[in-house]
């Protein structure tokens, strides 16, 4: 496993279809209004809410909600300028207008679980319960051993 102990990885909850776009590797920048100190692997939680119009825009439907779909690597966090907003559109996929005060979470190395792990999300970075972490670690270990295709 990564040099960090998996149970020490925080999680981030993201609405659909953004969670699917992140775990599939189609989206490599997550736009946020806050920047944690943490860098490293994150458990990716798909929130209960989804934007059906955005799902259609990206050709997606029936997306999993309400649990952990895999993990991603938080590589860096960079302030978003108006120029970067436009330059990085194909990476953050947000067709809205530029707003000041935002940061870009640069993410990569998505690893999708073969079966999502149901669980509650929270605001900000959070640490799942020990019971959930056991399931997440088991899935992560199976991905690293090559039993499953990481991105499908």
C-alpha atoms as a PDB file:
ATOM      1  CA  UNK A   1       0.000   0.000   0.000  1.00  0.00           C
ATOM      2  CA  UNK A   2       1.070   3.639  -0.235  1.00  0.00           C
ATOM      3  CA  UNK A   3       3.613   4.700   2.372  1.00  0.00           C
ATOM      4  CA  UNK A   4       0.771   6.065   4.480  1.00  0.00           C
ATOM      5  CA  UNK A   5      -1.361   3.644   6.440  1.00  0.00           C
ATOM      6  CA  UNK A   6      -4.698   3.399   4.649  1.00  0.00           C
ATOM      7  CA  UNK A   7      -6.756   3.891   7.797  1.00  0.00           C
ATOM      8  CA  UNK A   8      -5.069   7.251   8.244  1.00  0.00           C
ATOM      9  CA  UNK A   9      -6.336   8.496   4.898  1.00  0.00           C
ATOM     10  CA  UNK A  10      -9.057  11.082   5.154  1.00  0.00           C
ATOM     11  CA  UNK A  11     -12.086  10.983   2.896  1.00  0.00           C
ATOM     12  CA  UNK A  12     -13.807  13.578   0.761  1.00  0.00           C
ATOM     13  CA  UNK A  13     -17.480  13.416  -0.155  1.00  0.00           C
ATOM     14  CA  UNK A  14     -18.316  14.658  -3.657  1.00  0.00           C
ATOM     15  CA  UNK A  15     -21.699  14.907  -5.377  1.00  0.00           C
ATOM     16  CA  UNK A  16     -22.429  12.913  -8.465  1.00  0.00           C
ATOM     17  CA  UNK A  17     -21.558  13.130 -11.309  1.00  0.00           C
ATOM     18  CA  UNK A  18     -18.326  14.732 -10.059  1.00  0.00           C
ATOM     19  CA  UNK A  19     -17.380  11.657  -7.992  1.00  0.00           C
ATOM     20  CA  UNK A  20     -17.771   9.413 -11.057  1.00  0.00           C
ATOM     21  CA  UNK A  21     -15.755  11.802 -13.216  1.00  0.00           C
ATOM     22  CA  UNK A  22     -12.952  11.819 -10.617  1.00  0.00           C
ATOM     23  CA  UNK A  23     -12.840   8.041 -10.107  1.00  0.00           C
ATOM     24  CA  UNK A  24     -12.940   7.404 -13.866  1.00  0.00           C
ATOM     25  CA  UNK A  25     -10.036   9.792 -14.446  1.00  0.00           C
ATOM     26  CA  UNK A  26     -12.066  12.120 -16.702  1.00  0.00           C
ATOM     27  CA  UNK A  27     -11.730  14.922 -14.115  1.00  0.00           C
ATOM     28  CA  UNK A  28      -8.314  15.696 -12.622  1.00  0.00           C
ATOM     29  CA  UNK A  29      -9.062  19.002 -10.877  1.00  0.00           C
ATOM     30  CA  UNK A  30     -11.628  19.360  -8.114  1.00  0.00           C
ATOM     31  CA  UNK A  31     -12.634  22.984  -7.504  1.00  0.00           C
ATOM     32  CA  UNK A  32     -13.131  23.919  -3.849  1.00  0.00           C
ATOM     33  CA  UNK A  33     -13.347  27.077  -1.730  1.00  0.00           C
ATOM     34  CA  UNK A  34     -11.053  25.659   0.974  1.00  0.00           C
ATOM     35  CA  UNK A  35      -7.588  24.144   1.098  1.00  0.00           C
ATOM     36  CA  UNK A  36      -6.526  21.572   3.690  1.00  0.00           C
ATOM     37  CA  UNK A  37      -2.897  21.062   4.687  1.00  0.00           C
ATOM     38  CA  UNK A  38      -3.177  17.344   3.819  1.00  0.00           C
ATOM     39  CA  UNK A  39      -1.675  15.884   0.636  1.00  0.00           C
ATOM     40  CA  UNK A  40      -1.820  12.188  -0.197  1.00  0.00           C
ATOM     41  CA  UNK A  41      -4.426   9.492  -0.793  1.00  0.00           C
ATOM     42  CA  UNK A  42      -8.078  10.218  -0.116  1.00  0.00           C
ATOM     43  CA  UNK A  43     -11.017   7.868   0.101  1.00  0.00           C
ATOM     44  CA  UNK A  44     -13.580   9.096  -2.430  1.00  0.00           C
ATOM     45  CA  UNK A  45     -17.155   9.135  -1.182  1.00  0.00           C
ATOM     46  CA  UNK A  46     -20.048   9.643  -3.619  1.00  0.00           C
ATOM     47  CA  UNK A  47     -22.612  11.809  -1.871  1.00  0.00           C
ATOM     48  CA  UNK A  48     -26.344  11.186  -1.767  1.00  0.00           C
ATOM     49  CA  UNK A  49     -27.130  14.092  -4.076  1.00  0.00           C
ATOM     50  CA  UNK A  50     -26.690  14.154  -7.810  1.00  0.00           C
ATOM     51  CA  UNK A  51     -27.240  16.713 -10.526  1.00  0.00           C
ATOM     52  CA  UNK A  52     -29.228  14.836 -13.191  1.00  0.00           C
ATOM     53  CA  UNK A  53     -28.706  17.590 -15.760  1.00  0.00           C
ATOM     54  CA  UNK A  54     -24.932  17.281 -15.345  1.00  0.00           C
ATOM     55  CA  UNK A  55     -25.172  13.481 -15.517  1.00  0.00           C
ATOM     56  CA  UNK A  56     -26.868  13.832 -18.924  1.00  0.00           C
ATOM     57  CA  UNK A  57     -24.283  16.394 -20.055  1.00  0.00           C
ATOM     58  CA  UNK A  58     -21.507  13.878 -19.403  1.00  0.00           C
ATOM     59  CA  UNK A  59     -23.450  10.906 -20.788  1.00  0.00           C
ATOM     60  CA  UNK A  60     -23.846   9.267 -17.379  1.00  0.00           C
ATOM     61  CA  UNK A  61     -26.842   7.747 -15.595  1.00  0.00           C
ATOM     62  CA  UNK A  62     -27.746   5.583 -12.598  1.00  0.00           C
ATOM     63  CA  UNK A  63     -24.608   6.580 -10.699  1.00  0.00           C
ATOM     64  CA  UNK A  64     -23.846   5.087  -7.301  1.00  0.00           C
ATOM     65  CA  UNK A  65     -24.658   7.375  -4.368  1.00  0.00           C
ATOM     66  CA  UNK A  66     -24.162   7.160  -0.642  1.00  0.00           C
ATOM     67  CA  UNK A  67     -20.843   5.394  -0.233  1.00  0.00           C
ATOM     68  CA  UNK A  68     -17.156   5.016  -1.011  1.00  0.00           C
ATOM     69  CA  UNK A  69     -16.279   4.319  -4.650  1.00  0.00           C
ATOM     70  CA  UNK A  70     -12.471   4.172  -4.407  1.00  0.00           C
ATOM     71  CA  UNK A  71      -9.487   6.396  -3.715  1.00  0.00           C
ATOM     72  CA  UNK A  72      -7.635   9.240  -5.406  1.00  0.00           C
ATOM     73  CA  UNK A  73      -4.316  10.987  -4.830  1.00  0.00           C
ATOM     74  CA  UNK A  74      -4.417  14.650  -3.764  1.00  0.00           C
ATOM     75  CA  UNK A  75      -1.221  15.921  -5.365  1.00  0.00           C
ATOM     76  CA  UNK A  76      -1.346  19.697  -4.928  1.00  0.00           C
ATOM     77  CA  UNK A  77      -3.679  22.610  -4.252  1.00  0.00           C
ATOM     78  CA  UNK A  78      -3.288  25.710  -6.396  1.00  0.00           C
ATOM     79  CA  UNK A  79      -5.169  29.042  -6.334  1.00  0.00           C
ATOM     80  CA  UNK A  80      -7.508  29.448  -9.301  1.00  0.00           C
ATOM     81  CA  UNK A  81      -7.096  32.597 -11.365  1.00  0.00           C
ATOM     82  CA  UNK A  82      -9.390  33.633 -14.195  1.00  0.00           C
ATOM     83  CA  UNK A  83      -6.712  32.553 -16.681  1.00  0.00           C
ATOM     84  CA  UNK A  84      -6.280  29.141 -15.026  1.00  0.00           C
ATOM     85  CA  UNK A  85     -10.068  28.656 -14.870  1.00  0.00           C
ATOM     86  CA  UNK A  86     -10.218  28.887 -18.654  1.00  0.00           C
ATOM     87  CA  UNK A  87      -6.998  26.959 -19.320  1.00  0.00           C
ATOM     88  CA  UNK A  88      -8.016  24.080 -17.056  1.00  0.00           C
ATOM     89  CA  UNK A  89     -11.651  23.754 -18.176  1.00  0.00           C
ATOM     90  CA  UNK A  90     -10.966  20.316 -19.691  1.00  0.00           C
ATOM     91  CA  UNK A  91      -9.597  19.168 -16.307  1.00  0.00           C
ATOM     92  CA  UNK A  92     -12.172  20.640 -13.871  1.00  0.00           C
ATOM     93  CA  UNK A  93     -15.160  20.351 -16.281  1.00  0.00           C
ATOM     94  CA  UNK A  94     -17.130  23.132 -14.551  1.00  0.00           C
ATOM     95  CA  UNK A  95     -18.859  25.153 -17.257  1.00  0.00           C
ATOM     96  CA  UNK A  96     -19.867  27.895 -14.818  1.00  0.00           C
ATOM     97  CA  UNK A  97     -18.298  31.328 -14.662  1.00  0.00           C
ATOM     98  CA  UNK A  98     -15.033  32.007 -12.848  1.00  0.00           C
ATOM     99  CA  UNK A  99     -15.430  33.070  -9.202  1.00  0.00           C
ATOM    100  CA  UNK A 100     -12.605  34.454  -7.094  1.00  0.00           C
ATOM    101  CA  UNK A 101     -11.350  32.725  -3.954  1.00  0.00           C
ATOM    102  CA  UNK A 102     -11.392  29.190  -5.336  1.00  0.00           C
ATOM    103  CA  UNK A 103      -8.617  26.600  -5.274  1.00  0.00           C
ATOM    104  CA  UNK A 104      -7.866  23.698  -7.592  1.00  0.00           C
ATOM    105  CA  UNK A 105      -7.259  20.322  -5.987  1.00  0.00           C
ATOM    106  CA  UNK A 106      -4.953  18.522  -8.415  1.00  0.00           C
ATOM    107  CA  UNK A 107      -5.805  14.829  -8.201  1.00  0.00           C
ATOM    108  CA  UNK A 108      -4.693  11.680  -9.953  1.00  0.00           C
ATOM    109  CA  UNK A 109      -4.155   7.922  -9.690  1.00  0.00           C
ATOM    110  CA  UNK A 110      -7.843   7.025  -9.284  1.00  0.00           C
ATOM    111  CA  UNK A 111      -8.530   3.498  -8.044  1.00  0.00           C
ATOM    112  CA  UNK A 112     -12.133   2.346  -8.349  1.00  0.00           C
ATOM    113  CA  UNK A 113     -13.490  -0.327  -6.028  1.00  0.00           C
ATOM    114  CA  UNK A 114     -15.155  -3.243  -7.808  1.00  0.00           C
ATOM    115  CA  UNK A 115     -18.064  -2.829  -5.381  1.00  0.00           C
ATOM    116  CA  UNK A 116     -18.758   0.462  -3.567  1.00  0.00           C
ATOM    117  CA  UNK A 117     -18.772   0.479   0.228  1.00  0.00           C
ATOM    118  CA  UNK A 118     -21.955   2.049   1.646  1.00  0.00           C
ATOM    119  CA  UNK A 119     -21.330   4.733   4.241  1.00  0.00           C
ATOM    120  CA  UNK A 120     -22.145   8.256   5.325  1.00  0.00           C
ATOM    121  CA  UNK A 121     -20.303  11.272   3.979  1.00  0.00           C
ATOM    122  CA  UNK A 122     -19.484  14.502   5.764  1.00  0.00           C
ATOM    123  CA  UNK A 123     -18.460  18.031   4.935  1.00  0.00           C
ATOM    124  CA  UNK A 124     -14.750  18.815   4.594  1.00  0.00           C
ATOM    125  CA  UNK A 125     -12.139  16.077   4.950  1.00  0.00           C
ATOM    126  CA  UNK A 126     -13.270  13.399   7.376  1.00  0.00           C
ATOM    127  CA  UNK A 127     -12.148  10.048   8.735  1.00  0.00           C
ATOM    128  CA  UNK A 128     -14.513   7.103   8.201  1.00  0.00           C
ATOM    129  CA  UNK A 129     -15.354   4.802  11.108  1.00  0.00           C
ATOM    130  CA  UNK A 130     -13.027   1.910  11.928  1.00  0.00           C
ATOM    131  CA  UNK A 131     -15.592  -0.572  10.576  1.00  0.00           C
ATOM    132  CA  UNK A 132     -15.806   1.233   7.231  1.00  0.00           C
ATOM    133  CA  UNK A 133     -12.010   1.622   7.065  1.00  0.00           C
ATOM    134  CA  UNK A 134     -11.626  -2.163   7.343  1.00  0.00           C
ATOM    135  CA  UNK A 135     -13.792  -2.610   4.252  1.00  0.00           C
ATOM    136  CA  UNK A 136     -12.023   0.212   2.406  1.00  0.00           C
ATOM    137  CA  UNK A 137      -8.582  -1.224   3.196  1.00  0.00           C
ATOM    138  CA  UNK A 138      -9.671  -4.678   2.021  1.00  0.00           C
ATOM    139  CA  UNK A 139     -10.842  -3.226  -1.306  1.00  0.00           C
ATOM    140  CA  UNK A 140      -7.673  -1.141  -1.658  1.00  0.00           C
ATOM    141  CA  UNK A 141      -5.466  -4.174  -0.984  1.00  0.00           C
ATOM    142  CA  UNK A 142      -7.299  -6.188  -3.630  1.00  0.00           C
ATOM    143  CA  UNK A 143      -6.798  -3.375  -6.142  1.00  0.00           C
ATOM    144  CA  UNK A 144      -3.078  -3.183  -5.383  1.00  0.00           C
ATOM    145  CA  UNK A 145      -2.661  -6.942  -5.684  1.00  0.00           C
ATOM    146  CA  UNK A 146      -3.998  -6.703  -9.235  1.00  0.00           C
ATOM    147  CA  UNK A 147      -7.176  -8.691  -8.606  1.00  0.00           C
ATOM    148  CA  UNK A 148      -9.295  -5.911 -10.088  1.00  0.00           C
ATOM    149  CA  UNK A 149      -9.045  -3.341 -12.841  1.00  0.00           C
ATOM    150  CA  UNK A 150      -8.486  -0.017 -11.055  1.00  0.00           C
ATOM    151  CA  UNK A 151     -10.367   2.186 -13.529  1.00  0.00           C
ATOM    152  CA  UNK A 152     -13.190   0.844 -15.624  1.00  0.00           C
END
